[in-house]
Amino acid sequence: MQIISKEIEEYCKKFSIDDTGLLSEVATSTWETEDMPQMLSGALVGGLLQILIRISGAKRILEVGTFTGYSALKMAEALPEDGTIDCCELVEKHIQTAKSWFNKTSLGDKISIHQGKAIDSMDKFKEGTFDIIFVDADKSNYPLYHKRGLMLLKVGGIGVFDNMLWSGTVLEPSDVESHALRETAELIKNNHRLEPLLMPIRDGVMVYRKNN
């Protein structure tokens, strides 16, 4: 299922926040060199993250799934000088690619990468540490990332989960990934502590605010 037509998506990009030169390079390189370039979060999701950071005044961010570093750099642009991003990434190739881009800008000084299984890296952080958590990793573990991430969020913090529509397969889940995404949406929706909003941006973005 095509959630939004390519024409509408391009129209939205035209009237949204533009990528800086470096981010355009990251995106172009990712599409030209990676086996699965569609894993890139893209300008619309990245723009949403920047808006959320600026509106909320977030200073400390946790990213689960870094890929080639696009979304981390996009968020770093919106952070204040004392802001930081902790990135969880499993794949060594992706870590090296992301670091190569981070090293091209002083924004990279705000970003730390934790290699290994994301849930193991998340267990190392204290509860109530982060202002925003952005999850764009292996979909089968989304319920785990949500449960652990919720504990790591401060009260008033914001959770953002990408690919929550999974090309529409969540309507009638029939595989591990779509079942996990549907379960995650239900966990978020049924938690009275959260204010959720699921939007058909790209492949679906869930945003929630932690009330208490």
C-alpha atoms as a PDB file:
ATOM      1  CA  MET A   1       0.000   0.000   0.000  1.00  0.00           C
ATOM      2  CA  GLN A   2       1.311   3.445  -0.972  1.00  0.00           C
ATOM      3  CA  ILE A   3       0.476   5.565   2.089  1.00  0.00           C
ATOM      4  CA  ILE A   4       1.051   8.882   0.325  1.00  0.00           C
ATOM      5  CA  SER A   5       1.716   9.377  -3.381  1.00  0.00           C
ATOM      6  CA  LYS A   6       5.206  10.384  -4.473  1.00  0.00           C
ATOM      7  CA  GLU A   7       3.766  13.596  -5.921  1.00  0.00           C
ATOM      8  CA  ILE A   8       2.196  14.609  -2.608  1.00  0.00           C
ATOM      9  CA  GLU A   9       5.352  13.681  -0.725  1.00  0.00           C
ATOM     10  CA  GLU A  10       7.489  15.833  -3.020  1.00  0.00           C
ATOM     11  CA  TYR A  11       4.992  18.692  -2.688  1.00  0.00           C
ATOM     12  CA  CYS A  12       5.232  18.464   1.097  1.00  0.00           C
ATOM     13  CA  LYS A  13       9.033  18.489   0.926  1.00  0.00           C
ATOM     14  CA  LYS A  14       8.932  21.563  -1.317  1.00  0.00           C
ATOM     15  CA  PHE A  15       7.120  23.563   1.357  1.00  0.00           C
ATOM     16  CA  SER A  16       8.989  22.169   4.375  1.00  0.00           C
ATOM     17  CA  ILE A  17      12.353  22.709   6.060  1.00  0.00           C
ATOM     18  CA  ASP A  18      15.184  22.241   3.541  1.00  0.00           C
ATOM     19  CA  ASP A  19      18.135  19.968   4.242  1.00  0.00           C
ATOM     20  CA  THR A  20      21.497  21.656   4.675  1.00  0.00           C
ATOM     21  CA  GLY A  21      24.215  20.812   2.175  1.00  0.00           C
ATOM     22  CA  LEU A  22      25.764  18.127   4.375  1.00  0.00           C
ATOM     23  CA  LEU A  23      22.438  16.414   5.007  1.00  0.00           C
ATOM     24  CA  SER A  24      21.708  16.417   1.285  1.00  0.00           C
ATOM     25  CA  GLU A  25      25.064  14.723   0.754  1.00  0.00           C
ATOM     26  CA  VAL A  26      24.258  12.079   3.379  1.00  0.00           C
ATOM     27  CA  ALA A  27      20.889  11.364   1.785  1.00  0.00           C
ATOM     28  CA  THR A  28      22.274  11.200  -1.754  1.00  0.00           C
ATOM     29  CA  SER A  29      25.178   8.984  -0.738  1.00  0.00           C
ATOM     30  CA  THR A  30      22.852   6.657   1.180  1.00  0.00           C
ATOM     31  CA  TRP A  31      20.591   6.163  -1.833  1.00  0.00           C
ATOM     32  CA  GLU A  32      23.574   5.586  -4.117  1.00  0.00           C
ATOM     33  CA  THR A  33      25.633   3.220  -1.974  1.00  0.00           C
ATOM     34  CA  GLU A  34      23.448   1.367   0.561  1.00  0.00           C
ATOM     35  CA  ASP A  35      21.659  -1.919  -0.097  1.00  0.00           C
ATOM     36  CA  MET A  36      18.525  -0.748   1.707  1.00  0.00           C
ATOM     37  CA  PRO A  37      18.491   3.059   1.310  1.00  0.00           C
ATOM     38  CA  GLN A  38      14.768   3.212   2.148  1.00  0.00           C
ATOM     39  CA  MET A  39      15.837   2.846   5.786  1.00  0.00           C
ATOM     40  CA  LEU A  40      16.770   6.550   5.629  1.00  0.00           C
ATOM     41  CA  SER A  41      14.246   8.521   7.698  1.00  0.00           C
ATOM     42  CA  GLY A  42      14.121  11.349   5.153  1.00  0.00           C
ATOM     43  CA  ALA A  43      13.455  15.072   5.128  1.00  0.00           C
ATOM     44  CA  LEU A  44       9.847  15.024   6.352  1.00  0.00           C
ATOM     45  CA  VAL A  45      10.484  12.841   9.386  1.00  0.00           C
ATOM     46  CA  GLY A  46      13.721  14.729  10.029  1.00  0.00           C
ATOM     47  CA  GLY A  47      11.911  18.044   9.795  1.00  0.00           C
ATOM     48  CA  LEU A  48       9.298  16.841  12.279  1.00  0.00           C
ATOM     49  CA  LEU A  49      12.067  15.869  14.690  1.00  0.00           C
ATOM     50  CA  GLN A  50      13.636  19.313  14.398  1.00  0.00           C
ATOM     51  CA  ILE A  51      10.316  21.019  15.099  1.00  0.00           C
ATOM     52  CA  LEU A  52       9.690  18.817  18.147  1.00  0.00           C
ATOM     53  CA  ILE A  53      13.167  19.545  19.512  1.00  0.00           C
ATOM     54  CA  ARG A  54      12.798  23.290  19.096  1.00  0.00           C
ATOM     55  CA  ILE A  55       9.257  23.470  20.463  1.00  0.00           C
ATOM     56  CA  SER A  56      10.017  21.281  23.488  1.00  0.00           C
ATOM     57  CA  GLY A  57      13.424  22.761  24.245  1.00  0.00           C
ATOM     58  CA  ALA A  58      14.916  19.254  24.320  1.00  0.00           C
ATOM     59  CA  LYS A  59      18.577  18.950  25.244  1.00  0.00           C
ATOM     60  CA  ARG A  60      19.194  15.222  25.576  1.00  0.00           C
ATOM     61  CA  ILE A  61      18.059  12.736  22.938  1.00  0.00           C
ATOM     62  CA  LEU A  62      18.250   8.976  22.559  1.00  0.00           C
ATOM     63  CA  GLU A  63      18.206   7.514  19.048  1.00  0.00           C
ATOM     64  CA  VAL A  64      17.585   3.796  18.547  1.00  0.00           C
ATOM     65  CA  GLY A  65      18.823   2.883  15.075  1.00  0.00           C
ATOM     66  CA  THR A  66      21.281   5.291  13.454  1.00  0.00           C
ATOM     67  CA  PHE A  67      21.878   3.809   9.978  1.00  0.00           C
ATOM     68  CA  THR A  68      24.070   6.270   8.000  1.00  0.00           C
ATOM     69  CA  GLY A  69      23.663   9.132  10.486  1.00  0.00           C
ATOM     70  CA  TYR A  70      21.133  11.323   8.671  1.00  0.00           C
ATOM     71  CA  SER A  71      18.543  11.608  11.437  1.00  0.00           C
ATOM     72  CA  ALA A  72      21.168  12.130  14.147  1.00  0.00           C
ATOM     73  CA  LEU A  73      22.701  15.020  12.226  1.00  0.00           C
ATOM     74  CA  LYS A  74      19.252  16.429  11.474  1.00  0.00           C
ATOM     75  CA  MET A  75      18.424  16.449  15.191  1.00  0.00           C
ATOM     76  CA  ALA A  76      21.853  17.797  16.146  1.00  0.00           C
ATOM     77  CA  GLU A  77      21.191  20.849  13.980  1.00  0.00           C
ATOM     78  CA  ALA A  78      18.177  21.728  16.137  1.00  0.00           C
ATOM     79  CA  LEU A  79      19.803  21.163  19.533  1.00  0.00           C
ATOM     80  CA  PRO A  80      21.159  23.972  21.691  1.00  0.00           C
ATOM     81  CA  GLU A  81      24.932  24.154  22.203  1.00  0.00           C
ATOM     82  CA  ASP A  82      24.796  21.963  25.307  1.00  0.00           C
ATOM     83  CA  GLY A  83      22.497  19.382  23.690  1.00  0.00           C
ATOM     84  CA  THR A  84      23.576  15.765  23.153  1.00  0.00           C
ATOM     85  CA  ILE A  85      22.424  12.671  21.254  1.00  0.00           C
ATOM     86  CA  ASP A  86      23.139   9.081  22.300  1.00  0.00           C
ATOM     87  CA  CYS A  87      22.812   6.709  19.328  1.00  0.00           C
ATOM     88  CA  CYS A  88      22.308   2.945  19.547  1.00  0.00           C
ATOM     89  CA  GLU A  89      23.480   1.028  16.471  1.00  0.00           C
ATOM     90  CA  LEU A  90      24.272  -2.647  15.951  1.00  0.00           C
ATOM     91  CA  VAL A  91      25.854  -2.788  12.481  1.00  0.00           C
ATOM     92  CA  GLU A  92      29.562  -1.927  12.319  1.00  0.00           C
ATOM     93  CA  LYS A  93      29.322  -0.748   8.701  1.00  0.00           C
ATOM     94  CA  HIS A  94      26.603   1.737   9.584  1.00  0.00           C
ATOM     95  CA  ILE A  95      28.586   2.988  12.560  1.00  0.00           C
ATOM     96  CA  GLN A  96      31.641   3.683  10.425  1.00  0.00           C
ATOM     97  CA  THR A  97      29.544   5.407   7.752  1.00  0.00           C
ATOM     98  CA  ALA A  98      27.762   7.569  10.317  1.00  0.00           C
ATOM     99  CA  LYS A  99      31.040   8.506  12.011  1.00  0.00           C
ATOM    100  CA  SER A 100      32.528   9.540   8.668  1.00  0.00           C
ATOM    101  CA  TRP A 101      29.704  12.063   8.264  1.00  0.00           C
ATOM    102  CA  PHE A 102      29.787  13.185  11.898  1.00  0.00           C
ATOM    103  CA  ASN A 103      33.491  13.962  11.528  1.00  0.00           C
ATOM    104  CA  LYS A 104      32.752  16.421   8.719  1.00  0.00           C
ATOM    105  CA  THR A 105      31.000  18.873  11.060  1.00  0.00           C
ATOM    106  CA  SER A 106      31.290  20.239  14.582  1.00  0.00           C
ATOM    107  CA  LEU A 107      27.753  18.931  15.144  1.00  0.00           C
ATOM    108  CA  GLY A 108      29.351  15.507  15.430  1.00  0.00           C
ATOM    109  CA  ASP A 109      30.732  16.546  18.821  1.00  0.00           C
ATOM    110  CA  LYS A 110      27.187  16.351  20.189  1.00  0.00           C
ATOM    111  CA  ILE A 111      26.712  12.739  19.073  1.00  0.00           C
ATOM    112  CA  SER A 112      27.870   9.541  20.825  1.00  0.00           C
ATOM    113  CA  ILE A 113      27.402   6.085  19.297  1.00  0.00           C
ATOM    114  CA  HIS A 114      26.827   2.989  21.439  1.00  0.00           C
ATOM    115  CA  GLN A 115      27.563  -0.190  19.494  1.00  0.00           C
ATOM    116  CA  GLY A 116      25.667  -3.405  20.133  1.00  0.00           C
ATOM    117  CA  LYS A 117      22.097  -4.524  20.658  1.00  0.00           C
ATOM    118  CA  ALA A 118      20.019  -1.443  21.328  1.00  0.00           C
ATOM    119  CA  ILE A 119      18.144  -2.905  24.274  1.00  0.00           C
ATOM    120  CA  ASP A 120      21.492  -3.668  25.993  1.00  0.00           C
ATOM    121  CA  SER A 121      22.705  -0.121  25.402  1.00  0.00           C
ATOM    122  CA  MET A 122      19.407   1.290  26.675  1.00  0.00           C
ATOM    123  CA  ASP A 123      19.767  -0.689  29.912  1.00  0.00           C
ATOM    124  CA  LYS A 124      22.902   1.318  30.711  1.00  0.00           C
ATOM    125  CA  PHE A 125      21.040   4.632  30.990  1.00  0.00           C
ATOM    126  CA  LYS A 126      19.259   5.892  34.100  1.00  0.00           C
ATOM    127  CA  GLU A 127      15.506   6.304  34.188  1.00  0.00           C
ATOM    128  CA  GLY A 128      14.244   9.790  33.356  1.00  0.00           C
ATOM    129  CA  THR A 129      17.379  10.699  31.387  1.00  0.00           C
ATOM    130  CA  PHE A 130      16.053  11.826  28.001  1.00  0.00           C
ATOM    131  CA  ASP A 131      13.825  14.593  26.655  1.00  0.00           C
ATOM    132  CA  ILE A 132      13.155  12.822  23.333  1.00  0.00           C
ATOM    133  CA  ILE A 133      13.519   9.242  22.181  1.00  0.00           C
ATOM    134  CA  PHE A 134      13.523   8.482  18.450  1.00  0.00           C
ATOM    135  CA  VAL A 135      13.146   4.833  17.407  1.00  0.00           C
ATOM    136  CA  ASP A 136      13.861   3.712  13.842  1.00  0.00           C
ATOM    137  CA  ALA A 137      15.389   0.251  14.171  1.00  0.00           C
ATOM    138  CA  ASP A 138      14.421  -3.430  13.797  1.00  0.00           C
ATOM    139  CA  LYS A 139      10.633  -3.492  13.938  1.00  0.00           C
ATOM    140  CA  SER A 140      10.257  -6.830  15.737  1.00  0.00           C
ATOM    141  CA  ASN A 141      11.749  -5.270  18.888  1.00  0.00           C
ATOM    142  CA  TYR A 142       9.647  -2.111  18.881  1.00  0.00           C
ATOM    143  CA  PRO A 143       7.552  -3.256  21.890  1.00  0.00           C
ATOM    144  CA  LEU A 144      10.755  -3.740  23.907  1.00  0.00           C
ATOM    145  CA  TYR A 145      12.176  -0.396  22.775  1.00  0.00           C
ATOM    146  CA  HIS A 146       8.943   1.304  23.737  1.00  0.00           C
ATOM    147  CA  LYS A 147       8.766  -0.248  27.218  1.00  0.00           C
ATOM    148  CA  ARG A 148      12.389   0.522  28.048  1.00  0.00           C
ATOM    149  CA  GLY A 149      12.306   3.896  26.315  1.00  0.00           C
ATOM    150  CA  LEU A 150       9.279   5.006  28.292  1.00  0.00           C
ATOM    151  CA  MET A 151      11.227   4.502  31.519  1.00  0.00           C
ATOM    152  CA  LEU A 152      14.156   6.495  30.128  1.00  0.00           C
ATOM    153  CA  LEU A 153      11.966   9.467  29.184  1.00  0.00           C
ATOM    154  CA  LYS A 154      11.544  12.380  31.540  1.00  0.00           C
ATOM    155  CA  VAL A 155       8.042  13.448  32.524  1.00  0.00           C
ATOM    156  CA  GLY A 156       6.938  15.706  29.680  1.00  0.00           C
ATOM    157  CA  GLY A 157       9.301  13.881  27.328  1.00  0.00           C
ATOM    158  CA  ILE A 158       8.430  12.915  23.766  1.00  0.00           C
ATOM    159  CA  GLY A 159       8.605   9.514  22.080  1.00  0.00           C
ATOM    160  CA  VAL A 160       8.837   9.249  18.280  1.00  0.00           C
ATOM    161  CA  PHE A 161       8.532   5.920  16.430  1.00  0.00           C
ATOM    162  CA  ASP A 162       9.080   5.688  12.665  1.00  0.00           C
ATOM    163  CA  ASN A 163       7.542   3.175  10.196  1.00  0.00           C
ATOM    164  CA  MET A 164       4.467   2.596  12.343  1.00  0.00           C
ATOM    165  CA  LEU A 165       2.223   1.904   9.328  1.00  0.00           C
ATOM    166  CA  TRP A 166       4.637  -0.497   7.600  1.00  0.00           C
ATOM    167  CA  SER A 167       3.134   0.062   4.154  1.00  0.00           C
ATOM    168  CA  GLY A 168      -0.344  -0.512   5.572  1.00  0.00           C
ATOM    169  CA  THR A 169       0.308  -4.089   6.724  1.00  0.00           C
ATOM    170  CA  VAL A 170      -0.536  -3.128  10.322  1.00  0.00           C
ATOM    171  CA  LEU A 171      -4.222  -3.061   9.326  1.00  0.00           C
ATOM    172  CA  GLU A 172      -4.191  -6.858   9.039  1.00  0.00           C
ATOM    173  CA  PRO A 173      -0.877  -8.031  10.534  1.00  0.00           C
ATOM    174  CA  SER A 174       0.463 -11.257   9.058  1.00  0.00           C
ATOM    175  CA  ASP A 175       4.201 -11.145   9.762  1.00  0.00           C
ATOM    176  CA  VAL A 176       6.434 -10.610  12.789  1.00  0.00           C
ATOM    177  CA  GLU A 177       7.165  -6.969  11.993  1.00  0.00           C
ATOM    178  CA  SER A 178       3.583  -5.836  11.407  1.00  0.00           C
ATOM    179  CA  HIS A 179       2.406  -7.694  14.533  1.00  0.00           C
ATOM    180  CA  ALA A 180       5.127  -5.987  16.596  1.00  0.00           C
ATOM    181  CA  LEU A 181       4.245  -2.547  15.221  1.00  0.00           C
ATOM    182  CA  ARG A 182       0.545  -3.092  15.898  1.00  0.00           C
ATOM    183  CA  GLU A 183       1.378  -4.243  19.438  1.00  0.00           C
ATOM    184  CA  THR A 184       3.503  -1.132  19.972  1.00  0.00           C
ATOM    185  CA  ALA A 185       0.676   1.134  18.816  1.00  0.00           C
ATOM    186  CA  GLU A 186      -1.719  -0.610  21.190  1.00  0.00           C
ATOM    187  CA  LEU A 187       0.713  -0.339  24.113  1.00  0.00           C
ATOM    188  CA  ILE A 188       1.052   3.394  23.521  1.00  0.00           C
ATOM    189  CA  LYS A 189      -2.650   4.023  22.950  1.00  0.00           C
ATOM    190  CA  ASN A 190      -3.738   2.040  26.029  1.00  0.00           C
ATOM    191  CA  ASN A 191      -1.306   3.758  28.408  1.00  0.00           C
ATOM    192  CA  HIS A 192      -3.172   6.514  30.262  1.00  0.00           C
ATOM    193  CA  ARG A 193       0.148   8.245  30.942  1.00  0.00           C
ATOM    194  CA  LEU A 194       0.663   8.994  27.262  1.00  0.00           C
ATOM    195  CA  GLU A 195      -0.828  11.410  24.734  1.00  0.00           C
ATOM    196  CA  PRO A 196      -0.355   9.711  21.325  1.00  0.00           C
ATOM    197  CA  LEU A 197      -0.728  10.905  17.762  1.00  0.00           C
ATOM    198  CA  LEU A 198      -0.165   8.528  14.820  1.00  0.00           C
ATOM    199  CA  MET A 199       0.381  10.401  11.548  1.00  0.00           C
ATOM    200  CA  PRO A 200       0.611   9.152   7.931  1.00  0.00           C
ATOM    201  CA  ILE A 201       3.944  10.892   7.368  1.00  0.00           C
ATOM    202  CA  ARG A 202       6.144   8.775   5.073  1.00  0.00           C
ATOM    203  CA  ASP A 203       5.536   5.239   6.416  1.00  0.00           C
ATOM    204  CA  GLY A 204       3.753   6.371   9.566  1.00  0.00           C
ATOM    205  CA  VAL A 205       5.132   8.301  12.554  1.00  0.00           C
ATOM    206  CA  MET A 206       3.853   7.827  16.092  1.00  0.00           C
ATOM    207  CA  VAL A 207       4.482  10.715  18.473  1.00  0.00           C
ATOM    208  CA  TYR A 208       3.516  10.671  22.123  1.00  0.00           C
ATOM    209  CA  ARG A 209       4.054  12.822  25.181  1.00  0.00           C
ATOM    210  CA  LYS A 210       4.700  11.292  28.597  1.00  0.00           C
ATOM    211  CA  ASN A 211       2.459  12.957  31.155  1.00  0.00           C
ATOM    212  CA  ASN A 212       3.654  11.407  34.402  1.00  0.00           C
END
